[in-house]
Every structure is written in C-alpha cells, then in structure tokens.
PDB file of N, CA and C in Angstrom:
ATOM      1  N   MET A   1       1.028  -1.159  -0.150  1.00  0.00           N
ATOM      2  CA  MET A   1       0.081   0.129  -0.076  1.00  0.00           C
ATOM      3  C   MET A   1       1.014   1.083  -0.079  1.00  0.00           C
ATOM      4  N   LEU A   2       1.781   0.816   0.763  1.00  0.00           N
ATOM      5  CA  LEU A   2       2.766   2.387   0.983  1.00  0.00           C
ATOM      6  C   LEU A   2       3.686   2.273  -0.552  1.00  0.00           C
ATOM      7  N   ASP A   3       3.581   1.460  -1.089  1.00  0.00           N
ATOM      8  CA  ASP A   3       4.583   1.220  -2.435  1.00  0.00           C
ATOM      9  C   ASP A   3       3.599   2.181  -3.696  1.00  0.00           C
ATOM     10  N   LEU A   4       2.392   1.948  -3.586  1.00  0.00           N
ATOM     11  CA  LEU A   4       1.419   2.854  -4.444  1.00  0.00           C
ATOM     12  C   LEU A   4       1.512   4.468  -4.511  1.00  0.00           C
ATOM     13  N   LEU A   5       1.688   4.886  -3.058  1.00  0.00           N
ATOM     14  CA  LEU A   5       2.123   6.020  -3.032  1.00  0.00           C
ATOM     15  C   LEU A   5       2.945   6.840  -3.354  1.00  0.00           C
ATOM     16  N   ILE A   6       4.338   5.713  -2.914  1.00  0.00           N
ATOM     17  CA  ILE A   6       5.338   6.179  -3.322  1.00  0.00           C
ATOM     18  C   ILE A   6       5.377   6.176  -4.879  1.00  0.00           C
ATOM     19  N   VAL A   7       5.153   5.145  -5.523  1.00  0.00           N
ATOM     20  CA  VAL A   7       5.560   5.040  -7.230  1.00  0.00           C
ATOM     21  C   VAL A   7       4.459   6.265  -7.955  1.00  0.00           C
ATOM     22  N   LYS A   8       3.531   6.387  -7.416  1.00  0.00           N
ATOM     23  CA  LYS A   8       2.670   7.988  -7.708  1.00  0.00           C
ATOM     24  C   LYS A   8       3.290   8.894  -8.187  1.00  0.00           C
ATOM     25  N   LYS A   9       4.406   9.488  -7.445  1.00  0.00           N
ATOM     26  CA  LYS A   9       5.703  10.108  -7.091  1.00  0.00           C
ATOM     27  C   LYS A   9       6.472  10.405  -8.047  1.00  0.00           C
ATOM     28  N   LEU A  10       6.985   9.049  -8.456  1.00  0.00           N
ATOM     29  CA  LEU A  10       7.928   9.066  -9.223  1.00  0.00           C
ATOM     30  C   LEU A  10       7.762   8.843 -10.685  1.00  0.00           C
ATOM     31  N   THR A  11       8.922   9.264 -11.287  1.00  0.00           N
ATOM     32  CA  THR A  11       9.175   9.240 -12.965  1.00  0.00           C
ATOM     33  C   THR A  11       9.356   7.808 -13.241  1.00  0.00           C
ATOM     34  N   ARG A  12       9.065   7.403 -14.562  1.00  0.00           N
ATOM     35  CA  ARG A  12       9.475   6.128 -15.129  1.00  0.00           C
ATOM     36  C   ARG A  12      10.564   5.573 -14.826  1.00  0.00           C
ATOM     37  N   LYS A  13      11.495   6.655 -14.903  1.00  0.00           N
ATOM     38  CA  LYS A  13      13.277   5.708 -14.192  1.00  0.00           C
ATOM     39  C   LYS A  13      13.172   5.611 -12.833  1.00  0.00           C
ATOM     40  N   GLY A  14      12.332   6.443 -12.379  1.00  0.00           N
ATOM     41  CA  GLY A  14      12.393   6.178 -10.814  1.00  0.00           C
ATOM     42  C   GLY A  14      11.688   5.064 -10.494  1.00  0.00           C
ATOM     43  N   LYS A  15      10.427   4.739 -11.090  1.00  0.00           N
ATOM     44  CA  LYS A  15       9.862   3.410 -10.655  1.00  0.00           C
ATOM     45  C   LYS A  15      10.912   2.095 -10.649  1.00  0.00           C
ATOM     46  N   THR A  16      11.531   2.220 -12.033  1.00  0.00           N
ATOM     47  CA  THR A  16      12.258   0.949 -12.168  1.00  0.00           C
ATOM     48  C   THR A  16      13.119   0.949 -11.282  1.00  0.00           C
ATOM     49  N   ALA A  17      13.988   2.102 -10.858  1.00  0.00           N
ATOM     50  CA  ALA A  17      15.219   2.029  -9.663  1.00  0.00           C
ATOM     51  C   ALA A  17      14.404   1.831  -8.694  1.00  0.00           C
ATOM     52  N   TYR A  18      13.345   2.254  -8.083  1.00  0.00           N
ATOM     53  CA  TYR A  18      12.437   2.042  -7.185  1.00  0.00           C
ATOM     54  C   TYR A  18      12.519   0.108  -6.330  1.00  0.00           C
ATOM     55  N   TRP A  19      11.921  -0.527  -7.730  1.00  0.00           N
ATOM     56  CA  TRP A  19      11.922  -1.585  -7.456  1.00  0.00           C
ATOM     57  C   TRP A  19      13.194  -2.617  -7.346  1.00  0.00           C
ATOM     58  N   ILE A  20      14.143  -2.017  -8.103  1.00  0.00           N
ATOM     59  CA  ILE A  20      15.360  -2.814  -8.062  1.00  0.00           C
ATOM     60  C   ILE A  20      16.030  -2.450  -6.965  1.00  0.00           C
ATOM     61  N   ILE A  21      16.093  -1.245  -6.574  1.00  0.00           N
ATOM     62  CA  ILE A  21      16.624  -1.093  -4.814  1.00  0.00           C
ATOM     63  C   ILE A  21      15.891  -1.960  -4.013  1.00  0.00           C
ATOM     64  N   GLN A  22      14.679  -1.781  -3.973  1.00  0.00           N
ATOM     65  CA  GLN A  22      13.756  -2.480  -3.096  1.00  0.00           C
ATOM     66  C   GLN A  22      14.115  -4.013  -2.902  1.00  0.00           C
ATOM     67  N   LEU A  23      14.038  -4.625  -4.143  1.00  0.00           N
ATOM     68  CA  LEU A  23      14.328  -5.980  -4.396  1.00  0.00           C
ATOM     69  C   LEU A  23      15.718  -6.191  -3.769  1.00  0.00           C
ATOM     70  N   THR A  24      16.832  -5.492  -4.152  1.00  0.00           N
ATOM     71  CA  THR A  24      18.021  -5.751  -3.596  1.00  0.00           C
ATOM     72  C   THR A  24      18.331  -5.754  -2.225  1.00  0.00           C
ATOM     73  N   LEU A  25      17.474  -4.656  -1.804  1.00  0.00           N
ATOM     74  CA  LEU A  25      17.999  -4.605  -0.239  1.00  0.00           C
ATOM     75  C   LEU A  25      17.085  -5.427   0.473  1.00  0.00           C
ATOM     76  N   ASP A  26      16.044  -5.990   0.287  1.00  0.00           N
ATOM     77  CA  ASP A  26      15.252  -7.369   0.575  1.00  0.00           C
ATOM     78  C   ASP A  26      16.291  -8.382   0.600  1.00  0.00           C
ATOM     79  N   ILE A  27      16.742  -8.867  -0.512  1.00  0.00           N
ATOM     80  CA  ILE A  27      17.633  -9.569  -0.702  1.00  0.00           C
ATOM     81  C   ILE A  27      18.955 -10.057   0.292  1.00  0.00           C
ATOM     82  N   LEU A  28      19.542  -8.643   0.220  1.00  0.00           N
ATOM     83  CA  LEU A  28      20.646  -8.516   0.902  1.00  0.00           C
ATOM     84  C   LEU A  28      20.118  -8.937   2.923  1.00  0.00           C
ATOM     85  N   PHE A  29      19.282  -8.232   2.977  1.00  0.00           N
ATOM     86  CA  PHE A  29      18.489  -8.414   4.382  1.00  0.00           C
ATOM     87  C   PHE A  29      18.339  -9.633   4.736  1.00  0.00           C
ATOM     88  N   ILE A  30      17.671 -10.527   3.981  1.00  0.00           N
ATOM     89  CA  ILE A  30      17.431 -11.776   4.283  1.00  0.00           C
ATOM     90  C   ILE A  30      18.327 -12.803   4.330  1.00  0.00           C
ATOM     91  N   GLY A  31      19.489 -12.239   3.291  1.00  0.00           N
ATOM     92  CA  GLY A  31      20.637 -13.169   3.026  1.00  0.00           C
ATOM     93  C   GLY A  31      21.590 -12.783   4.621  1.00  0.00           C
ATOM     94  N   TYR A  32      21.194 -11.639   4.769  1.00  0.00           N
ATOM     95  CA  TYR A  32      22.202 -11.334   6.146  1.00  0.00           C
ATOM     96  C   TYR A  32      21.659 -12.449   7.253  1.00  0.00           C
ATOM     97  N   LEU A  33      20.422 -12.238   7.276  1.00  0.00           N
ATOM     98  CA  LEU A  33      19.620 -12.706   8.518  1.00  0.00           C
ATOM     99  C   LEU A  33      19.750 -14.708   8.321  1.00  0.00           C
ATOM    100  N   PHE A  34      19.810 -15.095   7.201  1.00  0.00           N
ATOM    101  CA  PHE A  34      20.099 -16.668   7.093  1.00  0.00           C
ATOM    102  C   PHE A  34      21.842 -16.798   7.403  1.00  0.00           C
ATOM    103  N   LEU A  35      22.521 -16.001   6.592  1.00  0.00           N
ATOM    104  CA  LEU A  35      24.029 -16.512   6.638  1.00  0.00           C
ATOM    105  C   LEU A  35      24.734 -16.042   7.993  1.00  0.00           C
ATOM    106  N   PHE A  36      24.289 -14.899   8.271  1.00  0.00           N
ATOM    107  CA  PHE A  36      25.144 -14.090   9.308  1.00  0.00           C
ATOM    108  C   PHE A  36      24.558 -14.328  10.884  1.00  0.00           C
ATOM    109  N   MET A  37      23.225 -14.261  11.074  1.00  0.00           N
ATOM    110  CA  MET A  37      22.772 -14.346  12.260  1.00  0.00           C
ATOM    111  C   MET A  37      22.363 -15.635  12.473  1.00  0.00           C
ATOM    112  N   ASP A  38      22.047 -16.625  11.301  1.00  0.00           N
ATOM    113  CA  ASP A  38      21.907 -18.195  11.590  1.00  0.00           C
ATOM    114  C   ASP A  38      20.313 -18.423  11.836  1.00  0.00           C
ATOM    115  N   TYR A  39      19.629 -17.502  11.412  1.00  0.00           N
ATOM    116  CA  TYR A  39      17.996 -17.756  11.342  1.00  0.00           C
ATOM    117  C   TYR A  39      18.277 -19.016  10.041  1.00  0.00           C
ATOM    118  N   ASP A  40      16.742 -19.525  10.594  1.00  0.00           N
ATOM    119  CA  ASP A  40      16.120 -20.797   9.880  1.00  0.00           C
ATOM    120  C   ASP A  40      14.714 -20.466   9.259  1.00  0.00           C
ATOM    121  N   LEU A  41      14.068 -21.169   8.545  1.00  0.00           N
ATOM    122  CA  LEU A  41      12.537 -21.168   8.307  1.00  0.00           C
ATOM    123  C   LEU A  41      11.686 -21.276   9.289  1.00  0.00           C
ATOM    124  N   ASP A  42      12.393 -22.118  10.520  1.00  0.00           N
ATOM    125  CA  ASP A  42      11.410 -22.218  11.579  1.00  0.00           C
ATOM    126  C   ASP A  42      11.458 -21.153  12.552  1.00  0.00           C
ATOM    127  N   ARG A  43      12.668 -20.442  12.714  1.00  0.00           N
ATOM    128  CA  ARG A  43      12.891 -19.518  13.532  1.00  0.00           C
ATOM    129  C   ARG A  43      12.110 -18.109  13.175  1.00  0.00           C
ATOM    130  N   LEU A  44      11.903 -18.001  11.952  1.00  0.00           N
ATOM    131  CA  LEU A  44      11.302 -16.581  11.058  1.00  0.00           C
ATOM    132  C   LEU A  44       9.714 -17.091  11.335  1.00  0.00           C
ATOM    133  N   THR A  45       9.351 -18.123  10.774  1.00  0.00           N
ATOM    134  CA  THR A  45       7.834 -18.232  10.903  1.00  0.00           C
ATOM    135  C   THR A  45       7.509 -18.293  12.601  1.00  0.00           C
ATOM    136  N   GLY A  46       8.380 -18.783  13.437  1.00  0.00           N
ATOM    137  CA  GLY A  46       7.852 -18.956  14.740  1.00  0.00           C
ATOM    138  C   GLY A  46       7.800 -17.147  15.464  1.00  0.00           C
ATOM    139  N   ASP A  47       9.018 -17.321  16.149  1.00  0.00           N
ATOM    140  CA  ASP A  47       9.168 -15.935  17.148  1.00  0.00           C
ATOM    141  C   ASP A  47      10.152 -14.889  16.041  1.00  0.00           C
ATOM    142  N   GLY A  48      10.545 -14.801  15.093  1.00  0.00           N
ATOM    143  CA  GLY A  48      11.431 -13.736  14.273  1.00  0.00           C
ATOM    144  C   GLY A  48      10.539 -13.350  13.150  1.00  0.00           C
ATOM    145  N   TYR A  49       9.525 -13.542  12.921  1.00  0.00           N
ATOM    146  CA  TYR A  49       8.750 -12.600  12.093  1.00  0.00           C
ATOM    147  C   TYR A  49       8.573 -11.114  12.346  1.00  0.00           C
ATOM    148  N   GLY A  50       8.986 -10.777  13.489  1.00  0.00           N
ATOM    149  CA  GLY A  50       9.172  -9.572  13.405  1.00  0.00           C
ATOM    150  C   GLY A  50      10.180  -8.837  12.671  1.00  0.00           C
ATOM    151  N   ILE A  51      11.208  -9.206  13.013  1.00  0.00           N
ATOM    152  CA  ILE A  51      12.628  -8.781  12.769  1.00  0.00           C
ATOM    153  C   ILE A  51      12.523  -8.464  11.299  1.00  0.00           C
ATOM    154  N   LEU A  52      11.997  -9.823  10.458  1.00  0.00           N
ATOM    155  CA  LEU A  52      11.831  -9.976   8.904  1.00  0.00           C
ATOM    156  C   LEU A  52      10.828  -8.742   8.718  1.00  0.00           C
ATOM    157  N   ILE A  53       9.729  -8.439   9.436  1.00  0.00           N
ATOM    158  CA  ILE A  53       8.518  -7.129   9.011  1.00  0.00           C
ATOM    159  C   ILE A  53       9.506  -5.519   9.189  1.00  0.00           C
ATOM    160  N   VAL A  54      10.301  -5.575  10.257  1.00  0.00           N
ATOM    161  CA  VAL A  54      10.713  -4.362  10.138  1.00  0.00           C
ATOM    162  C   VAL A  54      11.562  -4.189   9.314  1.00  0.00           C
ATOM    163  N   GLY A  55      12.276  -5.204   9.206  1.00  0.00           N
ATOM    164  CA  GLY A  55      13.622  -4.995   8.144  1.00  0.00           C
ATOM    165  C   GLY A  55      13.185  -4.851   6.684  1.00  0.00           C
ATOM    166  N   ILE A  56      12.243  -5.319   6.326  1.00  0.00           N
ATOM    167  CA  ILE A  56      11.711  -5.083   4.664  1.00  0.00           C
ATOM    168  C   ILE A  56      10.768  -3.807   4.714  1.00  0.00           C
ATOM    169  N   VAL A  57      10.531  -3.201   6.038  1.00  0.00           N
ATOM    170  CA  VAL A  57       9.895  -1.933   6.107  1.00  0.00           C
ATOM    171  C   VAL A  57      11.040  -0.784   6.316  1.00  0.00           C
ATOM    172  N   VAL A  58      12.228  -1.181   6.918  1.00  0.00           N
ATOM    173  CA  VAL A  58      13.135  -0.190   6.819  1.00  0.00           C
ATOM    174  C   VAL A  58      14.022   0.004   5.128  1.00  0.00           C
ATOM    175  N   SER A  59      14.144  -1.379   4.656  1.00  0.00           N
ATOM    176  CA  SER A  59      14.245  -1.324   3.396  1.00  0.00           C
ATOM    177  C   SER A  59      13.591  -0.386   2.283  1.00  0.00           C
ATOM    178  N   LEU A  60      12.033  -0.886   2.735  1.00  0.00           N
ATOM    179  CA  LEU A  60      11.357   0.281   1.603  1.00  0.00           C
ATOM    180  C   LEU A  60      11.268   1.825   1.843  1.00  0.00           C
ATOM    181  N   LEU A  61      11.871   2.075   3.209  1.00  0.00           N
ATOM    182  CA  LEU A  61      11.944   3.555   3.410  1.00  0.00           C
ATOM    183  C   LEU A  61      13.266   4.189   2.818  1.00  0.00           C
ATOM    184  N   ILE A  62      14.228   3.042   2.859  1.00  0.00           N
ATOM    185  CA  ILE A  62      15.375   3.724   1.956  1.00  0.00           C
ATOM    186  C   ILE A  62      15.500   3.823   0.834  1.00  0.00           C
ATOM    187  N   SER A  63      14.650   2.668   0.367  1.00  0.00           N
ATOM    188  CA  SER A  63      14.721   2.819  -1.301  1.00  0.00           C
ATOM    189  C   SER A  63      13.804   4.045  -1.660  1.00  0.00           C
ATOM    190  N   ALA A  64      12.636   4.274  -0.835  1.00  0.00           N
ATOM    191  CA  ALA A  64      11.911   5.363  -1.288  1.00  0.00           C
ATOM    192  C   ALA A  64      12.381   6.447  -0.686  1.00  0.00           C
ATOM    193  N   GLY A  65      13.340   6.835   0.207  1.00  0.00           N
ATOM    194  CA  GLY A  65      13.892   8.037   0.057  1.00  0.00           C
ATOM    195  C   GLY A  65      15.136   8.290  -0.665  1.00  0.00           C
ATOM    196  N   ILE A  66      16.053   7.391  -1.341  1.00  0.00           N
ATOM    197  CA  ILE A  66      16.558   7.458  -2.458  1.00  0.00           C
ATOM    198  C   ILE A  66      15.855   8.016  -3.508  1.00  0.00           C
ATOM    199  N   CYS A  67      14.570   7.077  -4.178  1.00  0.00           N
ATOM    200  CA  CYS A  67      14.251   7.620  -5.327  1.00  0.00           C
ATOM    201  C   CYS A  67      13.329   8.885  -5.173  1.00  0.00           C
ATOM    202  N   LEU A  68      12.617   9.282  -4.001  1.00  0.00           N
ATOM    203  CA  LEU A  68      12.290  10.355  -4.268  1.00  0.00           C
ATOM    204  C   LEU A  68      13.213  11.496  -4.060  1.00  0.00           C
ATOM    205  N   SER A  69      14.187  11.482  -3.609  1.00  0.00           N
ATOM    206  CA  SER A  69      15.170  12.461  -3.909  1.00  0.00           C
ATOM    207  C   SER A  69      15.658  12.652  -5.011  1.00  0.00           C
ATOM    208  N   LEU A  70      15.717  11.506  -5.738  1.00  0.00           N
ATOM    209  CA  LEU A  70      16.147  11.576  -7.307  1.00  0.00           C
ATOM    210  C   LEU A  70      15.635  12.093  -8.209  1.00  0.00           C
ATOM    211  N   TRP A  71      14.414  10.918  -8.117  1.00  0.00           N
ATOM    212  CA  TRP A  71      13.615  11.115  -9.434  1.00  0.00           C
ATOM    213  C   TRP A  71      12.177  11.367  -8.898  1.00  0.00           C
ATOM    214  N   LYS A  72      11.935  12.386  -8.403  1.00  0.00           N
ATOM    215  CA  LYS A  72      10.499  12.628  -7.963  1.00  0.00           C
ATOM    216  C   LYS A  72       9.810  13.684  -9.444  1.00  0.00           C
ATOM    217  N   LYS A  73       8.718  13.383  -9.494  1.00  0.00           N
ATOM    218  CA  LYS A  73       8.139  14.217 -10.722  1.00  0.00           C
ATOM    219  C   LYS A  73       8.099  15.444 -10.201  1.00  0.00           C
ATOM    220  N   PRO A  74       7.950  16.227 -11.303  1.00  0.00           N
ATOM    221  CA  PRO A  74       8.141  17.717 -11.042  1.00  0.00           C
ATOM    222  C   PRO A  74       6.545  18.251 -10.777  1.00  0.00           C
ATOM    223  N   LYS A  75       6.222  19.138  -9.915  1.00  0.00           N
ATOM    224  CA  LYS A  75       4.863  19.583  -9.781  1.00  0.00           C
ATOM    225  C   LYS A  75       4.600  20.191 -11.105  1.00  0.00           C
ATOM    226  N   GLU A  76       3.130  19.916 -11.626  1.00  0.00           N
ATOM    227  CA  GLU A  76       2.547  20.467 -12.722  1.00  0.00           C
ATOM    228  C   GLU A  76       2.015  21.950 -12.285  1.00  0.00           C
ATOM    229  N   GLU A  77       2.467  22.796 -12.742  1.00  0.00           N
ATOM    230  CA  GLU A  77       1.795  24.182 -12.282  1.00  0.00           C
ATOM    231  C   GLU A  77       0.991  24.377 -13.502  1.00  0.00           C
ATOM    232  N   SER A  78      -0.329  24.742 -12.628  1.00  0.00           N
ATOM    233  CA  SER A  78      -1.549  25.393 -13.279  1.00  0.00           C
ATOM    234  C   SER A  78      -1.520  26.744 -14.006  1.00  0.00           C
ATOM    235  N   ASN A  79      -1.973  26.951 -14.559  1.00  0.00           N
ATOM    236  CA  ASN A  79      -2.219  28.236 -15.349  1.00  0.00           C
ATOM    237  C   ASN A  79      -3.232  28.744 -15.120  1.00  0.00           C
ATOM    238  N   THR A  80      -3.590  29.513 -13.971  1.00  0.00           N
ATOM    239  CA  THR A  80      -4.920  29.879 -13.439  1.00  0.00           C
ATOM    240  C   THR A  80      -5.025  31.274 -13.802  1.00  0.00           C
ATOM    241  N   GLU A  81      -3.988  31.717 -14.278  1.00  0.00           N
ATOM    242  CA  GLU A  81      -3.646  33.448 -14.629  1.00  0.00           C
ATOM    243  C   GLU A  81      -4.751  33.941 -15.796  1.00  0.00           C
ATOM    244  N   GLU A  82      -5.761  35.090 -15.537  1.00  0.00           N
ATOM    245  CA  GLU A  82      -6.507  35.685 -16.019  1.00  0.00           C
ATOM    246  C   GLU A  82      -6.112  36.764 -17.080  1.00  0.00           C
ATOM    247  N   ASP A  83      -5.844  36.914 -18.184  1.00  0.00           N
ATOM    248  CA  ASP A  83      -5.270  37.814 -19.091  1.00  0.00           C
ATOM    249  C   ASP A  83      -6.201  38.863 -19.194  1.00  0.00           C
TER     250      ASP A  83
END
C-alpha cells in the first residue's frame, strides 16, 4: 500500500529504480539473516517474524528516500492566470 503512494510520485526511471533497489535491499537483508544471524525458516515463522517485517519496512523507507530524492516528478503548475 505504501508502494502505491510512493510510485505515484516517481518518474518512469524512478519507478524502475525503486523496484530494483527495493528487491536488492530485501535480498541482502534476508541473506544477512540466514547467513550471519543463523536464522532458519522455523525461527522466522515462529518468534522471528517481527524482525523480518521491520527489516522489510526499513528497506522500503530507504529505497523510497533515495528514489524520491533523485526521481521525483516535477509539480505541474496550473495556469490559472487570467489575461
């Protein structure tokens, strides 16, 4: 749901970059959990699901911040001036 709000404000290049950055950060985070923190699927579905949700939300905020700072759509100026 947050993705839809963010994607509406990005240019076409920004949308592509957002999804690439988001997927990359998610893969890195999940890889970190499995390789360095010794998580397994039983632990993630049991008590560890909270860390997974928080990590993915943080990666969403990081990728949104990067993309909105670089590829935000320019505001459309309305011409309401009367001649």
